Amino acid sequence: MQERLFEMSDREMLEQRWLQLTREVLPEVARARGWPVHLDHCFQRVLLDHACGGVWYDTIAQRPAYAHAPEAILRAAVETGEAALRGEADLPAMNRASLSWRGKG
């Protein structure tokens, strides 16, 4: 059996992409696309809420949420962020839903 000393696990790669996507990539394109959110924590809220089907902290008890989210939820959140980046997911609509779930709509 070979040791995987220097390779990242799938979970580590998923978390790395999550951070890159929400802290760098999405904020960089937000203003040009006219998105209502542009801060990293706002993207994290919207994507995790969408992946959870409601307020993320009703599903994920510990913080930081991405580190404690079930892999399926984190994967769904990353995939949704990637879809928004490609123009295949409606980020403004997801933001409205997220705010509505929080009583702010």
C-alpha atoms as a PDB file:
ATOM      1  CA  MET A   1       0.000   0.000   0.000  1.00  0.00           C
ATOM      2  CA  GLN A   2       1.381   3.410  -0.971  1.00  0.00           C
ATOM      3  CA  GLU A   3       1.164   6.330   1.378  1.00  0.00           C
ATOM      4  CA  ARG A   4      -0.432   9.515   0.109  1.00  0.00           C
ATOM      5  CA  LEU A   5       1.720  11.923   2.083  1.00  0.00           C
ATOM      6  CA  PHE A   6       1.567  14.866  -0.274  1.00  0.00           C
ATOM      7  CA  GLU A   7      -1.690  14.364  -2.088  1.00  0.00           C
ATOM      8  CA  MET A   8      -4.789  16.181  -0.968  1.00  0.00           C
ATOM      9  CA  SER A   9      -7.922  14.220  -0.209  1.00  0.00           C
ATOM     10  CA  ASP A  10     -11.059  14.822  -2.224  1.00  0.00           C
ATOM     11  CA  ARG A  11     -12.474  16.681   0.781  1.00  0.00           C
ATOM     12  CA  GLU A  12      -9.400  18.918   1.022  1.00  0.00           C
ATOM     13  CA  MET A  13      -9.601  19.716  -2.692  1.00  0.00           C
ATOM     14  CA  LEU A  14     -13.313  20.473  -2.342  1.00  0.00           C
ATOM     15  CA  GLU A  15     -12.667  22.832   0.583  1.00  0.00           C
ATOM     16  CA  GLN A  16      -9.815  24.494  -1.300  1.00  0.00           C
ATOM     17  CA  ARG A  17     -12.065  25.103  -4.321  1.00  0.00           C
ATOM     18  CA  TRP A  18     -14.816  26.426  -2.007  1.00  0.00           C
ATOM     19  CA  LEU A  19     -12.482  29.005  -0.518  1.00  0.00           C
ATOM     20  CA  GLN A  20     -11.038  29.998  -3.879  1.00  0.00           C
ATOM     21  CA  LEU A  21     -14.482  30.274  -5.445  1.00  0.00           C
ATOM     22  CA  THR A  22     -16.117  32.265  -2.651  1.00  0.00           C
ATOM     23  CA  ARG A  23     -13.163  34.412  -1.598  1.00  0.00           C
ATOM     24  CA  GLU A  24     -11.645  35.198  -4.985  1.00  0.00           C
ATOM     25  CA  VAL A  25     -13.383  34.058  -8.157  1.00  0.00           C
ATOM     26  CA  LEU A  26     -17.014  35.020  -7.537  1.00  0.00           C
ATOM     27  CA  PRO A  27     -16.227  38.363  -5.852  1.00  0.00           C
ATOM     28  CA  GLU A  28     -13.998  39.275  -8.809  1.00  0.00           C
ATOM     29  CA  VAL A  29     -16.848  38.928 -11.328  1.00  0.00           C
ATOM     30  CA  ALA A  30     -19.738  40.092  -9.128  1.00  0.00           C
ATOM     31  CA  ARG A  31     -19.857  43.783  -9.981  1.00  0.00           C
ATOM     32  CA  ALA A  32     -19.403  43.251 -13.730  1.00  0.00           C
ATOM     33  CA  ARG A  33     -22.358  40.864 -13.687  1.00  0.00           C
ATOM     34  CA  GLY A  34     -24.521  43.139 -11.587  1.00  0.00           C
ATOM     35  CA  TRP A  35     -24.905  40.600  -8.794  1.00  0.00           C
ATOM     36  CA  PRO A  36     -26.472  41.882  -5.574  1.00  0.00           C
ATOM     37  CA  VAL A  37     -23.700  40.300  -3.482  1.00  0.00           C
ATOM     38  CA  HIS A  38     -19.968  40.801  -3.769  1.00  0.00           C
ATOM     39  CA  LEU A  39     -18.462  39.858  -0.389  1.00  0.00           C
ATOM     40  CA  ASP A  40     -17.092  36.380   0.307  1.00  0.00           C
ATOM     41  CA  HIS A  41     -19.346  35.658   3.283  1.00  0.00           C
ATOM     42  CA  CYS A  42     -22.410  36.642   1.243  1.00  0.00           C
ATOM     43  CA  PHE A  43     -21.517  34.134  -1.481  1.00  0.00           C
ATOM     44  CA  GLN A  44     -20.964  31.529   1.221  1.00  0.00           C
ATOM     45  CA  ARG A  45     -24.379  32.276   2.754  1.00  0.00           C
ATOM     46  CA  VAL A  46     -26.210  32.110  -0.570  1.00  0.00           C
ATOM     47  CA  LEU A  47     -24.518  28.942  -1.816  1.00  0.00           C
ATOM     48  CA  LEU A  48     -24.742  27.041   1.463  1.00  0.00           C
ATOM     49  CA  ASP A  49     -28.372  28.077   2.001  1.00  0.00           C
ATOM     50  CA  HIS A  50     -29.191  26.891  -1.505  1.00  0.00           C
ATOM     51  CA  ALA A  51     -27.387  23.580  -0.955  1.00  0.00           C
ATOM     52  CA  CYS A  52     -29.215  23.071   2.366  1.00  0.00           C
ATOM     53  CA  GLY A  53     -32.605  24.138   1.037  1.00  0.00           C
ATOM     54  CA  GLY A  54     -32.900  26.731   3.797  1.00  0.00           C
ATOM     55  CA  VAL A  55     -30.793  28.573   6.324  1.00  0.00           C
ATOM     56  CA  TRP A  56     -27.512  26.658   6.469  1.00  0.00           C
ATOM     57  CA  TYR A  57     -27.106  26.864  10.240  1.00  0.00           C
ATOM     58  CA  ASP A  58     -30.315  24.847  10.664  1.00  0.00           C
ATOM     59  CA  THR A  59     -28.391  21.981   9.015  1.00  0.00           C
ATOM     60  CA  ILE A  60     -24.744  22.655   9.913  1.00  0.00           C
ATOM     61  CA  ALA A  61     -24.240  23.161  13.634  1.00  0.00           C
ATOM     62  CA  GLN A  62     -20.574  24.124  13.779  1.00  0.00           C
ATOM     63  CA  ARG A  63     -18.527  26.878  12.220  1.00  0.00           C
ATOM     64  CA  PRO A  64     -16.825  27.351   9.914  1.00  0.00           C
ATOM     65  CA  ALA A  65     -19.720  25.850   8.003  1.00  0.00           C
ATOM     66  CA  TYR A  66     -17.722  24.629   5.018  1.00  0.00           C
ATOM     67  CA  ALA A  67     -15.420  22.596   7.279  1.00  0.00           C
ATOM     68  CA  HIS A  68     -18.321  20.933   9.084  1.00  0.00           C
ATOM     69  CA  ALA A  69     -20.792  20.557   6.223  1.00  0.00           C
ATOM     70  CA  PRO A  70     -21.517  17.048   5.016  1.00  0.00           C
ATOM     71  CA  GLU A  71     -19.523  16.465   1.859  1.00  0.00           C
ATOM     72  CA  ALA A  72     -22.683  16.229  -0.269  1.00  0.00           C
ATOM     73  CA  ILE A  73     -23.804  19.689   0.866  1.00  0.00           C
ATOM     74  CA  LEU A  74     -20.399  21.265   0.306  1.00  0.00           C
ATOM     75  CA  ARG A  75     -20.163  19.620  -3.109  1.00  0.00           C
ATOM     76  CA  ALA A  76     -23.622  20.932  -4.044  1.00  0.00           C
ATOM     77  CA  ALA A  77     -22.659  24.432  -2.883  1.00  0.00           C
ATOM     78  CA  VAL A  78     -19.445  24.372  -4.941  1.00  0.00           C
ATOM     79  CA  GLU A  79     -21.272  23.038  -7.993  1.00  0.00           C
ATOM     80  CA  THR A  80     -23.880  25.786  -7.667  1.00  0.00           C
ATOM     81  CA  GLY A  81     -21.157  28.413  -7.422  1.00  0.00           C
ATOM     82  CA  GLU A  82     -19.509  26.989 -10.525  1.00  0.00           C
ATOM     83  CA  ALA A  83     -22.880  27.054 -12.311  1.00  0.00           C
ATOM     84  CA  ALA A  84     -23.371  30.713 -11.344  1.00  0.00           C
ATOM     85  CA  LEU A  85     -19.915  31.469 -12.688  1.00  0.00           C
ATOM     86  CA  ARG A  86     -20.864  29.829 -16.004  1.00  0.00           C
ATOM     87  CA  GLY A  87     -24.146  31.771 -16.092  1.00  0.00           C
ATOM     88  CA  GLU A  88     -26.203  28.617 -15.551  1.00  0.00           C
ATOM     89  CA  ALA A  89     -27.534  29.447 -12.068  1.00  0.00           C
ATOM     90  CA  ASP A  90     -29.460  32.571 -11.100  1.00  0.00           C
ATOM     91  CA  LEU A  91     -27.427  34.039  -8.268  1.00  0.00           C
ATOM     92  CA  PRO A  92     -29.762  37.015  -7.681  1.00  0.00           C
ATOM     93  CA  ALA A  93     -32.734  34.628  -7.308  1.00  0.00           C
ATOM     94  CA  MET A  94     -30.759  32.439  -4.903  1.00  0.00           C
ATOM     95  CA  ASN A  95     -29.848  35.532  -2.881  1.00  0.00           C
ATOM     96  CA  ARG A  96     -33.526  36.545  -2.675  1.00  0.00           C
ATOM     97  CA  ALA A  97     -34.447  33.039  -1.489  1.00  0.00           C
ATOM     98  CA  SER A  98     -31.651  33.085   1.105  1.00  0.00           C
ATOM     99  CA  LEU A  99     -32.797  36.419   2.457  1.00  0.00           C
ATOM    100  CA  SER A 100     -36.416  35.262   2.502  1.00  0.00           C
ATOM    101  CA  TRP A 101     -35.503  32.156   4.517  1.00  0.00           C
ATOM    102  CA  ARG A 102     -33.895  34.528   7.003  1.00  0.00           C
ATOM    103  CA  GLY A 103     -36.958  36.773   7.196  1.00  0.00           C
ATOM    104  CA  LYS A 104     -35.221  39.579   5.317  1.00  0.00           C
ATOM    105  CA  GLY A 105     -37.024  39.305   1.985  1.00  0.00           C
END
